[in-house]
Amino acid sequence: SRDNDKKTVYLQMNSLKPEDTAVYYCAAQ
């Protein structure tokens, strides 16, 4: 999701699994 006023992008992660372990990067295109 994103909040345009705050210029912030979110990633809500639920039901996390061990295989989700990683470094997470934000990017813009």
PDB file of all heavy atoms in Angstrom:
ATOM      1  N   SER A   1       0.841  -1.182   0.000  1.00  0.00           N
ATOM      2  CA  SER A   1       0.000   0.000   0.000  1.00  0.00           C
ATOM      3  C   SER A   1       0.880   1.236   0.000  1.00  0.00           C
ATOM      4  O   SER A   1       2.100   1.139   0.158  1.00  0.00           O
ATOM      5  CB  SER A   1      -0.950   0.010   1.204  1.00  0.00           C
ATOM      6  OG  SER A   1      -0.229   0.040   2.417  1.00  0.00           O
ATOM      7  N   ARG A   2       0.260   2.390  -0.205  1.00  0.00           N
ATOM      8  CA  ARG A   2       1.030   3.629  -0.157  1.00  0.00           C
ATOM      9  C   ARG A   2       0.185   4.760   0.390  1.00  0.00           C
ATOM     10  O   ARG A   2      -1.038   4.766   0.247  1.00  0.00           O
ATOM     11  CB  ARG A   2       1.613   4.006  -1.531  1.00  0.00           C
ATOM     12  CG  ARG A   2       0.685   4.797  -2.466  1.00  0.00           C
ATOM     13  CD  ARG A   2      -0.236   3.879  -3.235  1.00  0.00           C
ATOM     14  NE  ARG A   2      -0.932   4.574  -4.313  1.00  0.00           N
ATOM     15  CZ  ARG A   2      -2.136   5.115  -4.209  1.00  0.00           C
ATOM     16  NH1 ARG A   2      -2.801   5.041  -3.046  1.00  0.00           N
ATOM     17  NH2 ARG A   2      -2.703   5.701  -5.245  1.00  0.00           N
ATOM     18  N   ASP A   3       0.847   5.699   1.020  1.00  0.00           N
ATOM     19  CA  ASP A   3       0.247   6.924   1.508  1.00  0.00           C
ATOM     20  C   ASP A   3       0.907   8.052   0.736  1.00  0.00           C
ATOM     21  O   ASP A   3       2.056   8.405   1.007  1.00  0.00           O
ATOM     22  CB  ASP A   3       0.464   7.072   3.016  1.00  0.00           C
ATOM     23  CG  ASP A   3      -0.257   8.267   3.594  1.00  0.00           C
ATOM     24  OD1 ASP A   3      -0.369   9.304   2.914  1.00  0.00           O
ATOM     25  OD2 ASP A   3      -0.707   8.173   4.759  1.00  0.00           O
ATOM     26  N   ASN A   4       0.192   8.598  -0.229  1.00  0.00           N
ATOM     27  CA  ASN A   4       0.787   9.596  -1.105  1.00  0.00           C
ATOM     28  C   ASN A   4       1.189  10.868  -0.359  1.00  0.00           C
ATOM     29  O   ASN A   4       2.209  11.480  -0.672  1.00  0.00           O
ATOM     30  CB  ASN A   4      -0.179   9.952  -2.240  1.00  0.00           C
ATOM     31  CG  ASN A   4      -0.332   8.835  -3.249  1.00  0.00           C
ATOM     32  OD1 ASN A   4       0.072   7.694  -2.997  1.00  0.00           O
ATOM     33  ND2 ASN A   4      -0.915   9.148  -4.396  1.00  0.00           N
ATOM     34  N   ASP A   5       0.375  11.260   0.624  1.00  0.00           N
ATOM     35  CA  ASP A   5       0.683  12.473   1.380  1.00  0.00           C
ATOM     36  C   ASP A   5       1.972  12.318   2.181  1.00  0.00           C
ATOM     37  O   ASP A   5       2.747  13.266   2.309  1.00  0.00           O
ATOM     38  CB  ASP A   5      -0.466  12.830   2.312  1.00  0.00           C
ATOM     39  CG  ASP A   5      -1.702  13.291   1.564  1.00  0.00           C
ATOM     40  OD1 ASP A   5      -1.573  13.763   0.421  1.00  0.00           O
ATOM     41  OD2 ASP A   5      -2.806  13.182   2.138  1.00  0.00           O
ATOM     42  N   LYS A   6       2.187  11.139   2.720  1.00  0.00           N
ATOM     43  CA  LYS A   6       3.388  10.877   3.505  1.00  0.00           C
ATOM     44  C   LYS A   6       4.549  10.397   2.652  1.00  0.00           C
ATOM     45  O   LYS A   6       5.657  10.230   3.171  1.00  0.00           O
ATOM     46  CB  LYS A   6       3.092   9.851   4.592  1.00  0.00           C
ATOM     47  CG  LYS A   6       2.099  10.322   5.636  1.00  0.00           C
ATOM     48  CD  LYS A   6       1.879   9.244   6.693  1.00  0.00           C
ATOM     49  CE  LYS A   6       0.907   9.706   7.753  1.00  0.00           C
ATOM     50  NZ  LYS A   6       0.651   8.669   8.775  1.00  0.00           N
ATOM     51  N   LYS A   7       4.300  10.176   1.368  1.00  0.00           N
ATOM     52  CA  LYS A   7       5.305   9.624   0.457  1.00  0.00           C
ATOM     53  C   LYS A   7       5.934   8.371   1.049  1.00  0.00           C
ATOM     54  O   LYS A   7       7.157   8.230   1.120  1.00  0.00           O
ATOM     55  CB  LYS A   7       6.370  10.672   0.122  1.00  0.00           C
ATOM     56  CG  LYS A   7       5.858  11.809  -0.739  1.00  0.00           C
ATOM     57  CD  LYS A   7       6.994  12.714  -1.189  1.00  0.00           C
ATOM     58  CE  LYS A   7       6.497  13.802  -2.124  1.00  0.00           C
ATOM     59  NZ  LYS A   7       7.606  14.680  -2.583  1.00  0.00           N
ATOM     60  N   THR A   8       5.074   7.477   1.469  1.00  0.00           N
ATOM     61  CA  THR A   8       5.515   6.254   2.118  1.00  0.00           C
ATOM     62  C   THR A   8       4.817   5.053   1.496  1.00  0.00           C
ATOM     63  O   THR A   8       3.611   5.092   1.237  1.00  0.00           O
ATOM     64  CB  THR A   8       5.229   6.293   3.623  1.00  0.00           C
ATOM     65  OG1 THR A   8       5.895   7.422   4.202  1.00  0.00           O
ATOM     66  CG2 THR A   8       5.722   5.029   4.302  1.00  0.00           C
ATOM     67  N   VAL A   9       5.585   4.017   1.252  1.00  0.00           N
ATOM     68  CA  VAL A   9       5.073   2.747   0.752  1.00  0.00           C
ATOM     69  C   VAL A   9       5.215   1.710   1.850  1.00  0.00           C
ATOM     70  O   VAL A   9       6.239   1.671   2.540  1.00  0.00           O
ATOM     71  CB  VAL A   9       5.823   2.307  -0.514  1.00  0.00           C
ATOM     72  CG1 VAL A   9       5.238   1.015  -1.064  1.00  0.00           C
ATOM     73  CG2 VAL A   9       5.771   3.403  -1.570  1.00  0.00           C
ATOM     74  N   TYR A  10       4.208   0.881   2.006  1.00  0.00           N
ATOM     75  CA  TYR A  10       4.198  -0.117   3.065  1.00  0.00           C
ATOM     76  C   TYR A  10       4.121  -1.522   2.479  1.00  0.00           C
ATOM     77  O   TYR A  10       3.592  -1.742   1.394  1.00  0.00           O
ATOM     78  CB  TYR A  10       3.003   0.081   3.992  1.00  0.00           C
ATOM     79  CG  TYR A  10       2.920   1.449   4.610  1.00  0.00           C
ATOM     80  CD1 TYR A  10       2.108   2.433   4.058  1.00  0.00           C
ATOM     81  CD2 TYR A  10       3.653   1.766   5.747  1.00  0.00           C
ATOM     82  CE1 TYR A  10       2.029   3.696   4.619  1.00  0.00           C
ATOM     83  CE2 TYR A  10       3.578   3.024   6.320  1.00  0.00           C
ATOM     84  CZ  TYR A  10       2.766   3.981   5.757  1.00  0.00           C
ATOM     85  OH  TYR A  10       2.685   5.237   6.319  1.00  0.00           O
ATOM     86  N   LEU A  11       4.645  -2.452   3.222  1.00  0.00           N
ATOM     87  CA  LEU A  11       4.446  -3.861   2.927  1.00  0.00           C
ATOM     88  C   LEU A  11       3.994  -4.539   4.214  1.00  0.00           C
ATOM     89  O   LEU A  11       4.795  -4.738   5.133  1.00  0.00           O
ATOM     90  CB  LEU A  11       5.719  -4.517   2.391  1.00  0.00           C
ATOM     91  CG  LEU A  11       5.561  -5.977   1.956  1.00  0.00           C
ATOM     92  CD1 LEU A  11       4.670  -6.068   0.711  1.00  0.00           C
ATOM     93  CD2 LEU A  11       6.918  -6.616   1.678  1.00  0.00           C
ATOM     94  N   GLN A  12       2.710  -4.855   4.283  1.00  0.00           N
ATOM     95  CA  GLN A  12       2.169  -5.580   5.419  1.00  0.00           C
ATOM     96  C   GLN A  12       2.366  -7.067   5.170  1.00  0.00           C
ATOM     97  O   GLN A  12       1.868  -7.600   4.182  1.00  0.00           O
ATOM     98  CB  GLN A  12       0.688  -5.265   5.602  1.00  0.00           C
ATOM     99  CG  GLN A  12       0.028  -6.003   6.754  1.00  0.00           C
ATOM    100  CD  GLN A  12       0.567  -5.581   8.102  1.00  0.00           C
ATOM    101  OE1 GLN A  12       0.692  -4.391   8.371  1.00  0.00           O
ATOM    102  NE2 GLN A  12       0.904  -6.546   8.941  1.00  0.00           N
ATOM    103  N   MET A  13       3.077  -7.719   6.057  1.00  0.00           N
ATOM    104  CA  MET A  13       3.412  -9.124   5.906  1.00  0.00           C
ATOM    105  C   MET A  13       2.761  -9.909   7.029  1.00  0.00           C
ATOM    106  O   MET A  13       3.088  -9.716   8.202  1.00  0.00           O
ATOM    107  CB  MET A  13       4.928  -9.328   5.915  1.00  0.00           C
ATOM    108  CG  MET A  13       5.661  -8.493   4.871  1.00  0.00           C
ATOM    109  SD  MET A  13       7.432  -8.858   4.802  1.00  0.00           S
ATOM    110  CE  MET A  13       7.925  -8.291   6.433  1.00  0.00           C
ATOM    111  N   ASN A  14       1.848 -10.785   6.670  1.00  0.00           N
ATOM    112  CA  ASN A  14       1.158 -11.640   7.624  1.00  0.00           C
ATOM    113  C   ASN A  14       1.480 -13.102   7.348  1.00  0.00           C
ATOM    114  O   ASN A  14       1.948 -13.452   6.271  1.00  0.00           O
ATOM    115  CB  ASN A  14      -0.354 -11.417   7.544  1.00  0.00           C
ATOM    116  CG  ASN A  14      -0.771 -10.010   7.863  1.00  0.00           C
ATOM    117  OD1 ASN A  14      -0.181  -9.347   8.721  1.00  0.00           O
ATOM    118  ND2 ASN A  14      -1.814  -9.531   7.184  1.00  0.00           N
ATOM    119  N   SER A  15       1.193 -13.938   8.324  1.00  0.00           N
ATOM    120  CA  SER A  15       1.424 -15.381   8.193  1.00  0.00           C
ATOM    121  C   SER A  15       2.823 -15.669   7.686  1.00  0.00           C
ATOM    122  O   SER A  15       3.036 -16.459   6.760  1.00  0.00           O
ATOM    123  CB  SER A  15       0.379 -16.005   7.263  1.00  0.00           C
ATOM    124  OG  SER A  15      -0.931 -15.782   7.740  1.00  0.00           O
ATOM    125  N   LEU A  16       3.796 -15.045   8.297  1.00  0.00           N
ATOM    126  CA  LEU A  16       5.172 -15.158   7.835  1.00  0.00           C
ATOM    127  C   LEU A  16       5.702 -16.573   7.992  1.00  0.00           C
ATOM    128  O   LEU A  16       5.377 -17.277   8.951  1.00  0.00           O
ATOM    129  CB  LEU A  16       6.058 -14.173   8.581  1.00  0.00           C
ATOM    130  CG  LEU A  16       5.943 -12.726   8.095  1.00  0.00           C
ATOM    131  CD1 LEU A  16       6.472 -11.763   9.137  1.00  0.00           C
ATOM    132  CD2 LEU A  16       6.694 -12.553   6.776  1.00  0.00           C
ATOM    133  N   LYS A  17       6.524 -16.957   7.039  1.00  0.00           N
ATOM    134  CA  LYS A  17       7.140 -18.270   7.001  1.00  0.00           C
ATOM    135  C   LYS A  17       8.654 -18.120   7.049  1.00  0.00           C
ATOM    136  O   LYS A  17       9.187 -17.088   6.640  1.00  0.00           O
ATOM    137  CB  LYS A  17       6.750 -19.008   5.717  1.00  0.00           C
ATOM    138  CG  LYS A  17       5.259 -19.131   5.484  1.00  0.00           C
ATOM    139  CD  LYS A  17       4.978 -19.749   4.121  1.00  0.00           C
ATOM    140  CE  LYS A  17       3.495 -19.850   3.857  1.00  0.00           C
ATOM    141  NZ  LYS A  17       3.215 -20.434   2.511  1.00  0.00           N
ATOM    142  N   PRO A  18       9.364 -19.141   7.526  1.00  0.00           N
ATOM    143  CA  PRO A  18      10.826 -19.059   7.527  1.00  0.00           C
ATOM    144  C   PRO A  18      11.411 -18.743   6.154  1.00  0.00           C
ATOM    145  O   PRO A  18      12.430 -18.048   6.072  1.00  0.00           O
ATOM    146  CB  PRO A  18      11.257 -20.438   8.018  1.00  0.00           C
ATOM    147  CG  PRO A  18      10.137 -20.875   8.892  1.00  0.00           C
ATOM    148  CD  PRO A  18       8.890 -20.350   8.222  1.00  0.00           C
ATOM    149  N   GLU A  19      10.785 -19.219   5.095  1.00  0.00           N
ATOM    150  CA  GLU A  19      11.281 -18.949   3.757  1.00  0.00           C
ATOM    151  C   GLU A  19      11.102 -17.501   3.318  1.00  0.00           C
ATOM    152  O   GLU A  19      11.593 -17.107   2.257  1.00  0.00           O
ATOM    153  CB  GLU A  19      10.638 -19.890   2.729  1.00  0.00           C
ATOM    154  CG  GLU A  19       9.125 -19.954   2.810  1.00  0.00           C
ATOM    155  CD  GLU A  19       8.627 -21.153   3.605  1.00  0.00           C
ATOM    156  OE1 GLU A  19       9.171 -21.401   4.695  1.00  0.00           O
ATOM    157  OE2 GLU A  19       7.696 -21.841   3.134  1.00  0.00           O
ATOM    158  N   ASP A  20      10.400 -16.703   4.113  1.00  0.00           N
ATOM    159  CA  ASP A  20      10.306 -15.272   3.857  1.00  0.00           C
ATOM    160  C   ASP A  20      11.531 -14.516   4.359  1.00  0.00           C
ATOM    161  O   ASP A  20      11.655 -13.312   4.097  1.00  0.00           O
ATOM    162  CB  ASP A  20       9.058 -14.687   4.511  1.00  0.00           C
ATOM    163  CG  ASP A  20       7.766 -15.226   3.921  1.00  0.00           C
ATOM    164  OD1 ASP A  20       7.697 -15.370   2.681  1.00  0.00           O
ATOM    165  OD2 ASP A  20       6.825 -15.496   4.699  1.00  0.00           O
ATOM    166  N   THR A  21      12.401 -15.186   5.078  1.00  0.00           N
ATOM    167  CA  THR A  21      13.601 -14.544   5.602  1.00  0.00           C
ATOM    168  C   THR A  21      14.458 -14.013   4.459  1.00  0.00           C
ATOM    169  O   THR A  21      14.825 -14.755   3.546  1.00  0.00           O
ATOM    170  CB  THR A  21      14.410 -15.527   6.450  1.00  0.00           C
ATOM    171  OG1 THR A  21      13.651 -15.893   7.606  1.00  0.00           O
ATOM    172  CG2 THR A  21      15.727 -14.905   6.902  1.00  0.00           C
ATOM    173  N   ALA A  22      14.765 -12.732   4.506  1.00  0.00           N
ATOM    174  CA  ALA A  22      15.525 -12.088   3.441  1.00  0.00           C
ATOM    175  C   ALA A  22      15.763 -10.639   3.820  1.00  0.00           C
ATOM    176  O   ALA A  22      15.187 -10.125   4.780  1.00  0.00           O
ATOM    177  CB  ALA A  22      14.775 -12.160   2.105  1.00  0.00           C
ATOM    178  N   VAL A  23      16.610  -9.991   3.044  1.00  0.00           N
ATOM    179  CA  VAL A  23      16.690  -8.542   3.080  1.00  0.00           C
ATOM    180  C   VAL A  23      15.644  -8.011   2.115  1.00  0.00           C
ATOM    181  O   VAL A  23      15.599  -8.427   0.953  1.00  0.00           O
ATOM    182  CB  VAL A  23      18.085  -8.026   2.693  1.00  0.00           C
ATOM    183  CG1 VAL A  23      18.104  -6.498   2.663  1.00  0.00           C
ATOM    184  CG2 VAL A  23      19.127  -8.544   3.674  1.00  0.00           C
ATOM    185  N   TYR A  24      14.813  -7.114   2.586  1.00  0.00           N
ATOM    186  CA  TYR A  24      13.737  -6.561   1.780  1.00  0.00           C
ATOM    187  C   TYR A  24      14.112  -5.159   1.324  1.00  0.00           C
ATOM    188  O   TYR A  24      14.538  -4.325   2.120  1.00  0.00           O
ATOM    189  CB  TYR A  24      12.430  -6.527   2.573  1.00  0.00           C
ATOM    190  CG  TYR A  24      11.775  -7.884   2.668  1.00  0.00           C
ATOM    191  CD1 TYR A  24      12.329  -8.879   3.466  1.00  0.00           C
ATOM    192  CD2 TYR A  24      10.625  -8.177   1.945  1.00  0.00           C
ATOM    193  CE1 TYR A  24      11.755 -10.139   3.535  1.00  0.00           C
ATOM    194  CE2 TYR A  24      10.038  -9.431   2.016  1.00  0.00           C
ATOM    195  CZ  TYR A  24      10.605 -10.405   2.808  1.00  0.00           C
ATOM    196  OH  TYR A  24      10.029 -11.648   2.878  1.00  0.00           O
ATOM    197  N   TYR A  25      13.938  -4.917   0.028  1.00  0.00           N
ATOM    198  CA  TYR A  25      14.314  -3.659  -0.587  1.00  0.00           C
ATOM    199  C   TYR A  25      13.103  -2.957  -1.172  1.00  0.00           C
ATOM    200  O   TYR A  25      12.263  -3.581  -1.816  1.00  0.00           O
ATOM    201  CB  TYR A  25      15.313  -3.882  -1.725  1.00  0.00           C
ATOM    202  CG  TYR A  25      16.623  -4.481  -1.294  1.00  0.00           C
ATOM    203  CD1 TYR A  25      16.805  -5.859  -1.259  1.00  0.00           C
ATOM    204  CD2 TYR A  25      17.690  -3.667  -0.930  1.00  0.00           C
ATOM    205  CE1 TYR A  25      18.007  -6.415  -0.871  1.00  0.00           C
ATOM    206  CE2 TYR A  25      18.895  -4.215  -0.542  1.00  0.00           C
ATOM    207  CZ  TYR A  25      19.050  -5.587  -0.516  1.00  0.00           C
ATOM    208  OH  TYR A  25      20.248  -6.133  -0.135  1.00  0.00           O
ATOM    209  N   CYS A  26      13.045  -1.671  -0.966  1.00  0.00           N
ATOM    210  CA  CYS A  26      12.076  -0.819  -1.624  1.00  0.00           C
ATOM    211  C   CYS A  26      12.681  -0.282  -2.909  1.00  0.00           C
ATOM    212  O   CYS A  26      13.882  -0.010  -2.967  1.00  0.00           O
ATOM    213  CB  CYS A  26      11.680   0.337  -0.696  1.00  0.00           C
ATOM    214  SG  CYS A  26      10.468   1.482  -1.379  1.00  0.00           S
ATOM    215  N   ALA A  27      11.866  -0.133  -3.943  1.00  0.00           N
ATOM    216  CA  ALA A  27      12.365   0.337  -5.227  1.00  0.00           C
ATOM    217  C   ALA A  27      11.310   1.177  -5.931  1.00  0.00           C
ATOM    218  O   ALA A  27      10.114   1.063  -5.656  1.00  0.00           O
ATOM    219  CB  ALA A  27      12.768  -0.842  -6.111  1.00  0.00           C
ATOM    220  N   ALA A  28      11.763   2.014  -6.861  1.00  0.00           N
ATOM    221  CA  ALA A  28      10.880   2.871  -7.645  1.00  0.00           C
ATOM    222  C   ALA A  28      11.239   2.773  -9.113  1.00  0.00           C
ATOM    223  O   ALA A  28      12.422   2.758  -9.466  1.00  0.00           O
ATOM    224  CB  ALA A  28      10.973   4.319  -7.167  1.00  0.00           C
ATOM    225  N   GLN A  29      10.224   2.729  -9.960  1.00  0.00           N
ATOM    226  CA  GLN A  29      10.389   2.580 -11.403  1.00  0.00           C
ATOM    227  C   GLN A  29       9.681   3.738 -12.098  1.00  0.00           C
ATOM    228  O   GLN A  29       8.458   3.869 -11.995  1.00  0.00           O
ATOM    229  CB  GLN A  29       9.839   1.225 -11.851  1.00  0.00           C
ATOM    230  CG  GLN A  29      10.551   0.583 -13.027  1.00  0.00           C
ATOM    231  CD  GLN A  29      10.041   1.089 -14.363  1.00  0.00           C
ATOM    232  OE1 GLN A  29       9.062   1.825 -14.441  1.00  0.00           O
ATOM    233  NE2 GLN A  29      10.707   0.690 -15.420  1.00  0.00           N
TER     234      GLN A  29
END
